[in-house]
Amino acid sequence: MIIEQLENDHENFTTIERAGLIDDLFNLARANIIPSSLVFNMLNNSHLERAYIVWERILDGINYIEQMIVTSYSNFDFYEQWHSYLIDLIRPIYTYFD
């Protein structure tokens, strides 16, 4: 339900609340309390986010995921797909702040 609200109108939450929610989602997924798919569902809407502190939390979470990928997978094709996903994820905010 919270993710749906973030998808529909993320500005109903303050910047600090959004940063905290994102941080919580990453941490809950890391602890296997929620499925990782919820984190990726939330990331699908990150193109709407403009707040630095929220992006800081997103990038911290992504960094953890990337470290897990690097240490767990030796498949270059998988890493290449991950890298492509990250470019698509970050491009809108990069373009916005050009």
C-alpha atoms as a PDB file:
ATOM      1  CA  MET A   1       0.000   0.000   0.000  1.00  0.00           C
ATOM      2  CA  ILE A   2       2.800   2.444   0.818  1.00  0.00           C
ATOM      3  CA  ILE A   3       4.579   1.537  -2.408  1.00  0.00           C
ATOM      4  CA  GLU A   4       1.359   2.212  -4.316  1.00  0.00           C
ATOM      5  CA  GLN A   5       1.163   5.644  -2.699  1.00  0.00           C
ATOM      6  CA  LEU A   6       4.786   6.313  -3.649  1.00  0.00           C
ATOM      7  CA  GLU A   7       3.940   5.290  -7.208  1.00  0.00           C
ATOM      8  CA  ASN A   8       0.774   7.390  -7.417  1.00  0.00           C
ATOM      9  CA  ASP A   9       1.888  10.586  -5.669  1.00  0.00           C
ATOM     10  CA  HIS A  10       5.215  10.334  -3.928  1.00  0.00           C
ATOM     11  CA  GLU A  11       5.047  13.955  -2.768  1.00  0.00           C
ATOM     12  CA  ASN A  12       2.335  13.039  -0.240  1.00  0.00           C
ATOM     13  CA  PHE A  13       5.346  11.950   1.808  1.00  0.00           C
ATOM     14  CA  THR A  14       7.982  14.423   2.934  1.00  0.00           C
ATOM     15  CA  THR A  15      11.478  14.087   1.531  1.00  0.00           C
ATOM     16  CA  ILE A  16      12.708  12.648   4.840  1.00  0.00           C
ATOM     17  CA  GLU A  17       9.827  10.150   4.916  1.00  0.00           C
ATOM     18  CA  ARG A  18      10.592   9.028   1.348  1.00  0.00           C
ATOM     19  CA  ALA A  19      14.269   8.605   2.177  1.00  0.00           C
ATOM     20  CA  GLY A  20      13.376   6.601   5.278  1.00  0.00           C
ATOM     21  CA  LEU A  21      10.886   4.408   3.423  1.00  0.00           C
ATOM     22  CA  ILE A  22      13.406   3.604   0.723  1.00  0.00           C
ATOM     23  CA  ASP A  23      16.090   2.856   3.283  1.00  0.00           C
ATOM     24  CA  ASP A  24      13.639   0.632   5.183  1.00  0.00           C
ATOM     25  CA  LEU A  25      12.673  -1.257   2.012  1.00  0.00           C
ATOM     26  CA  PHE A  26      16.301  -2.009   1.180  1.00  0.00           C
ATOM     27  CA  ASN A  27      17.033  -3.116   4.751  1.00  0.00           C
ATOM     28  CA  LEU A  28      13.915  -5.295   5.007  1.00  0.00           C
ATOM     29  CA  ALA A  29      14.780  -6.971   1.710  1.00  0.00           C
ATOM     30  CA  ARG A  30      18.373  -7.463   2.848  1.00  0.00           C
ATOM     31  CA  ALA A  31      17.051  -9.253   5.951  1.00  0.00           C
ATOM     32  CA  ASN A  32      14.704 -11.382   3.786  1.00  0.00           C
ATOM     33  CA  ILE A  33      11.656  -9.950   5.550  1.00  0.00           C
ATOM     34  CA  ILE A  34      10.140  -8.675   2.305  1.00  0.00           C
ATOM     35  CA  PRO A  35      10.755  -9.893  -1.245  1.00  0.00           C
ATOM     36  CA  SER A  36      13.435  -8.042  -3.193  1.00  0.00           C
ATOM     37  CA  SER A  37      10.875  -7.516  -5.932  1.00  0.00           C
ATOM     38  CA  LEU A  38       9.253  -4.820  -3.758  1.00  0.00           C
ATOM     39  CA  VAL A  39      12.491  -2.850  -3.847  1.00  0.00           C
ATOM     40  CA  PHE A  40      12.684  -3.134  -7.619  1.00  0.00           C
ATOM     41  CA  ASN A  41       9.021  -2.136  -7.937  1.00  0.00           C
ATOM     42  CA  MET A  42       9.827   0.977  -5.948  1.00  0.00           C
ATOM     43  CA  LEU A  43      12.892   1.668  -8.083  1.00  0.00           C
ATOM     44  CA  ASN A  44      10.742   1.605 -11.217  1.00  0.00           C
ATOM     45  CA  ASN A  45       9.318   4.941 -10.092  1.00  0.00           C
ATOM     46  CA  SER A  46      12.570   6.563  -9.032  1.00  0.00           C
ATOM     47  CA  HIS A  47      12.539   8.680 -12.196  1.00  0.00           C
ATOM     48  CA  LEU A  48       9.990  10.888 -10.389  1.00  0.00           C
ATOM     49  CA  GLU A  49      12.344  11.596  -7.502  1.00  0.00           C
ATOM     50  CA  ARG A  50      14.408  14.793  -7.446  1.00  0.00           C
ATOM     51  CA  ALA A  51      15.530  15.017  -3.811  1.00  0.00           C
ATOM     52  CA  TYR A  52      19.222  14.467  -3.162  1.00  0.00           C
ATOM     53  CA  ILE A  53      18.736  12.718   0.181  1.00  0.00           C
ATOM     54  CA  VAL A  54      16.329  10.215  -1.376  1.00  0.00           C
ATOM     55  CA  TRP A  55      18.748   9.498  -4.206  1.00  0.00           C
ATOM     56  CA  GLU A  56      21.514   9.070  -1.665  1.00  0.00           C
ATOM     57  CA  ARG A  57      19.460   6.297  -0.012  1.00  0.00           C
ATOM     58  CA  ILE A  58      18.646   4.734  -3.391  1.00  0.00           C
ATOM     59  CA  LEU A  59      22.305   4.711  -4.420  1.00  0.00           C
ATOM     60  CA  ASP A  60      23.409   3.275  -1.067  1.00  0.00           C
ATOM     61  CA  GLY A  61      20.924   0.423  -1.510  1.00  0.00           C
ATOM     62  CA  ILE A  62      21.989  -0.139  -5.101  1.00  0.00           C
ATOM     63  CA  ASN A  63      25.628  -0.205  -4.028  1.00  0.00           C
ATOM     64  CA  TYR A  64      24.859  -3.040  -1.615  1.00  0.00           C
ATOM     65  CA  ILE A  65      23.019  -4.991  -4.323  1.00  0.00           C
ATOM     66  CA  GLU A  66      25.891  -4.455  -6.728  1.00  0.00           C
ATOM     67  CA  GLN A  67      28.408  -5.728  -4.185  1.00  0.00           C
ATOM     68  CA  MET A  68      26.287  -8.852  -3.755  1.00  0.00           C
ATOM     69  CA  ILE A  69      26.165  -9.348  -7.522  1.00  0.00           C
ATOM     70  CA  VAL A  70      29.909  -8.889  -7.936  1.00  0.00           C
ATOM     71  CA  THR A  71      30.730 -11.392  -5.198  1.00  0.00           C
ATOM     72  CA  SER A  72      28.027 -13.917  -6.136  1.00  0.00           C
ATOM     73  CA  TYR A  73      28.032 -14.021  -9.915  1.00  0.00           C
ATOM     74  CA  SER A  74      30.876 -14.627 -12.295  1.00  0.00           C
ATOM     75  CA  ASN A  75      28.565 -14.321 -15.297  1.00  0.00           C
ATOM     76  CA  PHE A  76      29.623 -11.228 -17.226  1.00  0.00           C
ATOM     77  CA  ASP A  77      26.353 -11.150 -19.187  1.00  0.00           C
ATOM     78  CA  PHE A  78      24.357 -10.858 -15.973  1.00  0.00           C
ATOM     79  CA  TYR A  79      26.571  -8.027 -14.740  1.00  0.00           C
ATOM     80  CA  GLU A  80      26.239  -6.312 -18.111  1.00  0.00           C
ATOM     81  CA  GLN A  81      22.432  -6.494 -17.815  1.00  0.00           C
ATOM     82  CA  TRP A  82      22.641  -5.089 -14.286  1.00  0.00           C
ATOM     83  CA  HIS A  83      24.838  -2.238 -15.516  1.00  0.00           C
ATOM     84  CA  SER A  84      22.362  -1.470 -18.301  1.00  0.00           C
ATOM     85  CA  TYR A  85      19.529  -1.454 -15.742  1.00  0.00           C
ATOM     86  CA  LEU A  86      21.458   1.039 -13.602  1.00  0.00           C
ATOM     87  CA  ILE A  87      22.071   3.347 -16.535  1.00  0.00           C
ATOM     88  CA  ASP A  88      18.354   3.337 -17.348  1.00  0.00           C
ATOM     89  CA  LEU A  89      17.550   3.945 -13.690  1.00  0.00           C
ATOM     90  CA  ILE A  90      19.926   6.863 -13.203  1.00  0.00           C
ATOM     91  CA  ARG A  91      19.689   8.539 -16.614  1.00  0.00           C
ATOM     92  CA  PRO A  92      16.497  10.552 -15.846  1.00  0.00           C
ATOM     93  CA  ILE A  93      17.940  12.175 -12.716  1.00  0.00           C
ATOM     94  CA  TYR A  94      21.274  12.751 -14.430  1.00  0.00           C
ATOM     95  CA  THR A  95      19.496  14.412 -17.365  1.00  0.00           C
ATOM     96  CA  TYR A  96      17.318  16.474 -15.023  1.00  0.00           C
ATOM     97  CA  PHE A  97      20.340  17.964 -13.247  1.00  0.00           C
ATOM     98  CA  ASP A  98      22.466  18.110 -16.398  1.00  0.00           C
END
